[in-house]
Amino acid sequence: MKLFQKNSLINLWRTIRYNLKIIFAGKFIWFLLASFAFYLFFAIMQVFNNQAIGEGDIYNLIMFPGVLLVFYPSVFGIQNDEDSRILEILFGIPNYRYKVWLVRLIMVFVQVFILLIAYGYISSILLYPVNPFEMAFQLMFPIGFLGAAAFMFSTVIKNGNGTAVVMILIGVALLILSENLQRSQWNIFLNPLELPENFNPIIWSSIVTRNRIFLGVGMVIFLLYGLFNLQKRERFV
């Protein structure tokens, strides 16, 4: 029994490692290093600005490294499968491609969540004490939303570079609009840990709740639409 459990765990680990290698095309370590480099850069900037640091600042600090981690697998995943001929194999197995990509996306999001917790712990030690789990949970809403949107566009555009350009343009547009939507439930980058000045906490809590529902539902819709697009084999051949 113990031997069976041990073999099952070994096989599970090998499957996870294999899929992560495919998802990141063997470049995961570079994206992890780039993410950590951006985190350190912005953290040092926060310190040198000599401004009071709070939970809201830590939230903003960790946001970009998290988006960077989810960006590559969501944008280039389909193209990597197509380039390595794996996509054609998946299309040859009825209904299997949905499970493969659903599992891969879950693996990416879980991995990003764990890394966000790690960034939260580092921030608590170096900058300001925060709850790493709450911080990671709140960050997963916008990061998951953007990751799911990138995956959906990748199934429509079918080209990693094209999808990357579209997502960058969308990201820039959202950042510009976030100034006007700062206190709106429609703001993708709404910071739930930063209460605006002279704003009723009860109203703010209601806005945050509706914002999280909007992002959560949007993420599910994007994922389902992307998985639905994978049914159409002719779009990818």
Protein backbone atom coordinates (compact mmCIF):
# COMPACT_ATOMS: atom_id res chain seq x y z
CA MET A 1 0.00 0.00 0.00
CA LYS A 2 2.77 2.41 0.95
CA LEU A 3 4.69 1.47 -2.18
CA PHE A 4 1.59 2.18 -4.29
CA GLN A 5 1.12 5.58 -2.63
CA LYS A 6 4.79 6.39 -3.12
CA ASN A 7 4.63 5.45 -6.82
CA SER A 8 1.43 7.49 -7.23
CA LEU A 9 3.09 10.56 -5.70
CA ILE A 10 6.16 10.10 -7.90
CA ASN A 11 3.99 9.81 -11.01
CA LEU A 12 1.97 12.85 -9.95
CA TRP A 13 5.14 14.89 -9.44
CA ARG A 14 6.52 13.80 -12.82
CA THR A 15 3.24 14.73 -14.52
CA ILE A 16 3.21 18.16 -12.87
CA ARG A 17 6.86 18.79 -13.72
CA TYR A 18 6.34 17.64 -17.33
CA ASN A 19 3.31 19.87 -17.86
CA LEU A 20 4.99 22.88 -16.25
CA LYS A 21 7.98 22.32 -18.52
CA ILE A 22 5.67 22.35 -21.55
CA ILE A 23 3.66 25.35 -20.30
CA PHE A 24 6.73 27.50 -19.72
CA ALA A 25 8.69 25.94 -22.62
CA GLY A 26 11.58 25.29 -20.24
CA LYS A 27 11.81 29.01 -19.36
CA PHE A 28 10.10 28.99 -15.96
CA ILE A 29 13.27 29.77 -14.01
CA TRP A 30 13.87 32.87 -16.14
CA PHE A 31 10.35 34.16 -15.57
CA LEU A 32 10.69 33.46 -11.86
CA LEU A 33 13.97 35.38 -11.74
CA ALA A 34 12.48 38.25 -13.76
CA SER A 35 9.47 38.35 -11.45
CA PHE A 36 11.69 38.45 -8.36
CA ALA A 37 13.92 41.11 -9.95
CA PHE A 38 10.89 43.35 -10.58
CA TYR A 39 9.71 42.72 -7.02
CA LEU A 40 13.09 43.74 -5.58
CA PHE A 41 13.28 46.81 -7.84
CA PHE A 42 9.87 48.14 -6.80
CA ALA A 43 10.51 47.22 -3.15
CA ILE A 44 13.77 49.21 -3.14
CA MET A 45 11.96 52.13 -4.81
CA GLN A 46 9.36 52.03 -2.03
CA VAL A 47 12.07 52.19 0.62
CA PHE A 48 14.00 55.03 -1.03
CA ASN A 49 10.83 57.11 -1.44
CA ASN A 50 10.76 57.38 2.36
CA GLN A 51 6.97 57.15 2.39
CA ALA A 52 4.84 55.30 4.91
CA ILE A 53 4.18 51.76 3.65
CA GLY A 54 0.90 49.96 4.27
CA GLU A 55 -0.98 46.88 3.11
CA GLY A 56 -2.22 48.70 0.02
CA ASP A 57 1.35 49.47 -1.03
CA ILE A 58 2.37 45.82 -0.63
CA TYR A 59 -0.63 44.81 -2.76
CA ASN A 60 0.48 47.13 -5.57
CA LEU A 61 4.09 46.00 -5.16
CA ILE A 62 3.30 42.30 -5.68
CA MET A 63 0.74 42.81 -8.45
CA PHE A 64 3.13 43.18 -11.41
CA PRO A 65 5.43 40.22 -10.52
CA GLY A 66 2.30 38.06 -10.24
CA VAL A 67 0.97 39.20 -13.62
CA LEU A 68 4.38 38.48 -15.15
CA LEU A 69 4.32 34.89 -13.87
CA VAL A 70 0.90 34.15 -15.37
CA PHE A 71 1.52 36.09 -18.61
CA TYR A 72 3.76 33.68 -20.55
CA PRO A 73 1.89 30.38 -20.03
CA SER A 74 -1.47 32.03 -20.73
CA VAL A 75 -0.32 33.87 -23.86
CA PHE A 76 2.09 31.38 -25.44
CA GLY A 77 0.74 28.05 -24.15
CA ILE A 78 -1.38 27.20 -27.20
CA GLN A 79 1.39 28.20 -29.61
CA ASN A 80 3.95 26.12 -27.68
CA ASP A 81 1.65 23.10 -28.01
CA GLU A 82 1.21 23.78 -31.71
CA ASP A 83 4.94 24.26 -32.33
CA SER A 84 5.80 21.01 -30.55
CA ARG A 85 3.00 19.11 -32.36
CA ILE A 86 1.35 18.33 -29.02
CA LEU A 87 -1.83 20.21 -29.98
CA GLU A 88 -2.44 17.85 -32.91
CA ILE A 89 -2.07 14.86 -30.58
CA LEU A 90 -4.54 16.38 -28.11
CA PHE A 91 -7.08 16.93 -30.88
CA GLY A 92 -6.83 13.24 -31.69
CA ILE A 93 -8.10 12.28 -28.22
CA PRO A 94 -11.84 13.12 -27.84
CA ASN A 95 -12.58 15.59 -25.00
CA TYR A 96 -9.08 15.10 -23.58
CA ARG A 97 -7.72 18.48 -24.67
CA TYR A 98 -10.17 20.29 -22.35
CA LYS A 99 -8.97 18.32 -19.35
CA VAL A 100 -5.32 18.85 -20.26
CA TRP A 101 -5.61 22.61 -20.59
CA LEU A 102 -7.94 22.99 -17.63
CA VAL A 103 -5.47 21.08 -15.44
CA ARG A 104 -2.56 23.11 -16.82
CA LEU A 105 -4.28 26.41 -16.07
CA ILE A 106 -5.15 25.25 -12.56
CA MET A 107 -1.49 24.27 -12.07
CA VAL A 108 -0.35 27.71 -13.24
CA PHE A 109 -2.78 29.53 -10.94
CA VAL A 110 -1.86 27.34 -7.95
CA GLN A 111 1.82 27.92 -8.63
CA VAL A 112 1.30 31.69 -8.88
CA PHE A 113 -0.76 31.64 -5.66
CA ILE A 114 2.07 29.88 -3.80
CA LEU A 115 4.63 32.38 -5.12
CA LEU A 116 2.39 35.29 -4.11
CA ILE A 117 2.29 33.87 -0.59
CA ALA A 118 6.10 33.74 -0.66
CA TYR A 119 6.26 37.39 -1.79
CA GLY A 120 3.85 38.24 1.02
CA TYR A 121 6.12 36.61 3.60
CA ILE A 122 9.17 38.41 2.20
CA SER A 123 7.28 41.72 2.29
CA SER A 124 6.24 41.09 5.90
CA ILE A 125 9.88 40.62 6.88
CA LEU A 126 11.41 43.44 4.84
CA LEU A 127 8.71 46.11 4.51
CA TYR A 128 5.43 45.85 6.39
CA PRO A 129 3.62 43.05 8.25
CA VAL A 130 0.78 41.62 6.15
CA ASN A 131 -1.25 38.43 6.04
CA PRO A 132 0.41 36.58 3.12
CA PHE A 133 -2.59 34.30 2.51
CA GLU A 134 -5.12 37.14 2.42
CA MET A 135 -2.77 39.16 0.21
CA ALA A 136 -2.34 36.26 -2.24
CA PHE A 137 -6.08 35.55 -2.24
CA GLN A 138 -6.96 39.15 -3.10
CA LEU A 139 -4.27 39.36 -5.79
CA MET A 140 -5.49 36.21 -7.51
CA PHE A 141 -8.69 37.97 -8.61
CA PRO A 142 -7.09 40.49 -11.01
CA ILE A 143 -4.21 38.14 -11.90
CA GLY A 144 -6.58 35.24 -12.60
CA PHE A 145 -8.86 37.54 -14.61
CA LEU A 146 -5.99 38.74 -16.80
CA GLY A 147 -4.56 35.22 -17.14
CA ALA A 148 -7.92 33.80 -18.21
CA ALA A 149 -8.41 36.69 -20.67
CA ALA A 150 -4.97 36.02 -22.16
CA PHE A 151 -5.78 32.32 -22.53
CA MET A 152 -9.07 33.14 -24.26
CA PHE A 153 -7.42 35.55 -26.70
CA SER A 154 -4.69 32.98 -27.42
CA THR A 155 -7.38 30.53 -28.60
CA VAL A 156 -8.84 33.23 -30.87
CA ILE A 157 -5.63 34.75 -32.26
CA LYS A 158 -3.68 31.45 -32.29
CA ASN A 159 -0.35 33.28 -32.19
CA GLY A 160 1.66 34.01 -29.07
CA ASN A 161 3.20 37.26 -30.26
CA GLY A 162 -0.13 38.57 -31.53
CA THR A 163 -1.82 37.68 -28.24
CA ALA A 164 0.99 39.36 -26.29
CA VAL A 165 0.53 42.61 -28.25
CA VAL A 166 -3.24 42.55 -27.68
CA MET A 167 -2.85 41.89 -23.94
CA ILE A 168 -0.24 44.63 -23.54
CA LEU A 169 -2.53 47.13 -25.30
CA ILE A 170 -5.45 46.03 -23.12
CA GLY A 171 -3.27 46.31 -20.01
CA VAL A 172 -2.18 49.86 -20.91
CA ALA A 173 -5.79 50.85 -21.61
CA LEU A 174 -6.93 49.38 -18.28
CA LEU A 175 -4.18 51.24 -16.41
CA ILE A 176 -5.25 54.52 -18.04
CA LEU A 177 -8.91 53.88 -17.24
CA SER A 178 -8.10 52.83 -13.67
CA GLU A 179 -7.57 56.49 -12.75
CA ASN A 180 -11.15 57.33 -13.72
CA LEU A 181 -12.50 54.06 -12.29
CA GLN A 182 -10.45 54.27 -9.09
CA ARG A 183 -13.48 53.90 -6.81
CA SER A 184 -15.57 51.81 -9.17
CA GLN A 185 -16.42 48.12 -8.98
CA TRP A 186 -15.38 47.84 -12.66
CA ASN A 187 -11.74 48.72 -11.95
CA ILE A 188 -9.65 45.62 -12.74
CA PHE A 189 -6.78 46.95 -10.60
CA LEU A 190 -8.93 48.05 -7.66
CA ASN A 191 -6.91 47.80 -4.45
CA PRO A 192 -9.18 46.34 -1.73
CA LEU A 193 -6.60 46.99 0.99
CA GLU A 194 -6.40 50.74 0.38
CA LEU A 195 -9.43 52.65 1.64
CA PRO A 196 -9.76 55.99 -0.22
CA GLU A 197 -9.64 59.12 1.92
CA ASN A 198 -12.98 60.41 3.22
CA PHE A 199 -14.76 57.30 1.96
CA ASN A 200 -17.34 55.32 3.92
CA PRO A 201 -15.81 51.92 4.88
CA ILE A 202 -19.17 50.13 4.51
CA ILE A 203 -19.70 51.47 0.98
CA TRP A 204 -16.09 50.61 0.13
CA SER A 205 -16.54 47.04 1.39
CA SER A 206 -19.62 46.69 -0.83
CA ILE A 207 -17.70 48.00 -3.86
CA VAL A 208 -14.84 45.56 -3.19
CA THR A 209 -17.26 42.62 -2.90
CA ARG A 210 -18.98 43.48 -6.19
CA ASN A 211 -15.58 43.98 -7.84
CA ARG A 212 -14.42 40.52 -6.74
CA ILE A 213 -17.65 38.96 -8.01
CA PHE A 214 -17.17 40.75 -11.35
CA LEU A 215 -13.56 39.54 -11.66
CA GLY A 216 -14.40 35.99 -10.56
CA VAL A 217 -17.32 35.62 -12.98
CA GLY A 218 -15.29 37.23 -15.78
CA MET A 219 -12.43 34.79 -15.18
CA VAL A 220 -14.77 31.78 -15.39
CA ILE A 221 -16.40 33.09 -18.59
CA PHE A 222 -13.01 33.68 -20.24
CA LEU A 223 -11.82 30.19 -19.28
CA LEU A 224 -14.99 28.51 -20.54
CA TYR A 225 -14.92 30.45 -23.81
CA GLY A 226 -11.25 29.56 -24.32
CA LEU A 227 -11.91 25.88 -23.64
CA PHE A 228 -14.93 26.03 -25.95
CA ASN A 229 -12.71 27.39 -28.74
CA LEU A 230 -10.50 24.33 -28.39
CA GLN A 231 -13.39 22.25 -29.73
CA LYS A 232 -12.91 23.82 -33.15
CA ARG A 233 -10.02 21.86 -34.56
CA GLU A 234 -10.12 23.69 -37.91
CA ARG A 235 -9.13 26.93 -36.17
CA PHE A 236 -5.75 25.48 -35.22
CA VAL A 237 -4.75 23.49 -38.30
